[in-house]
């Protein structure tokens, strides 16, 4: 996979997220733990995730 760091991540900050776009959706991981767990989304799931992130509508 070809990973890229979020434009909202900073080298010194605690929130470093990377994504890899794939033919059927996307994967997300913590850039500080590249070998750790990652979230994988299908196309519809990725669109839902992005909408929730953009509108700050995650349920806690």
Protein backbone atom coordinates (compact mmCIF):
# COMPACT_ATOMS: atom_id res chain seq x y z
CA UNK A 1 0.00 0.00 0.00
CA UNK A 2 1.09 3.56 -0.62
CA UNK A 3 0.57 5.52 2.62
CA UNK A 4 0.36 9.31 2.95
CA UNK A 5 0.15 11.45 6.07
CA UNK A 6 -2.91 13.58 6.70
CA UNK A 7 -2.43 17.30 6.01
CA UNK A 8 -3.81 17.89 9.52
CA UNK A 9 -1.07 15.82 11.15
CA UNK A 10 2.11 17.42 12.38
CA UNK A 11 5.53 15.95 13.02
CA UNK A 12 5.49 17.07 16.66
CA UNK A 13 1.82 16.56 17.47
CA UNK A 14 0.11 13.54 18.99
CA UNK A 15 -2.36 13.10 16.12
CA UNK A 16 -0.54 11.53 13.19
CA UNK A 17 -2.81 9.69 10.79
CA UNK A 18 -1.92 8.10 7.46
CA UNK A 19 -4.23 6.78 4.76
CA UNK A 20 -3.79 4.45 1.83
CA UNK A 21 -6.37 4.53 -0.94
CA UNK A 22 -7.11 1.15 -2.49
CA UNK A 23 -9.40 0.11 -5.33
CA UNK A 24 -12.25 -0.82 -2.99
CA UNK A 25 -11.91 1.93 -0.34
CA UNK A 26 -9.19 3.04 2.08
CA UNK A 27 -7.10 2.05 5.08
CA UNK A 28 -6.16 4.28 8.03
CA UNK A 29 -3.32 3.83 10.51
CA UNK A 30 -1.38 5.66 13.22
CA UNK A 31 1.84 6.85 11.57
CA UNK A 32 3.74 6.39 14.84
CA UNK A 33 2.87 2.67 14.80
CA UNK A 34 3.12 1.62 11.15
CA UNK A 35 3.14 -2.08 12.03
CA UNK A 36 0.16 -1.79 14.38
CA UNK A 37 -3.54 -2.11 13.78
CA UNK A 38 -5.25 -0.32 10.93
CA UNK A 39 -8.84 0.39 9.99
CA UNK A 40 -9.98 -0.71 6.55
CA UNK A 41 -13.07 0.69 4.86
CA UNK A 42 -15.01 -0.26 1.74
CA UNK A 43 -16.09 2.60 -0.54
CA UNK A 44 -19.36 3.41 1.26
CA UNK A 45 -17.75 3.02 4.68
CA UNK A 46 -14.93 5.39 3.68
CA UNK A 47 -17.43 8.02 2.49
CA UNK A 48 -19.33 7.69 5.79
CA UNK A 49 -16.09 8.00 7.79
CA UNK A 50 -15.03 11.13 5.88
CA UNK A 51 -18.43 12.77 6.35
CA UNK A 52 -18.33 12.08 10.10
CA UNK A 53 -14.77 13.45 10.35
CA UNK A 54 -15.62 16.60 8.37
CA UNK A 55 -18.76 17.34 10.39
CA UNK A 56 -17.33 16.25 13.77
CA UNK A 57 -20.25 13.87 14.21
CA UNK A 58 -18.55 10.84 15.74
CA UNK A 59 -20.59 9.38 18.59
CA UNK A 60 -18.68 9.06 21.85
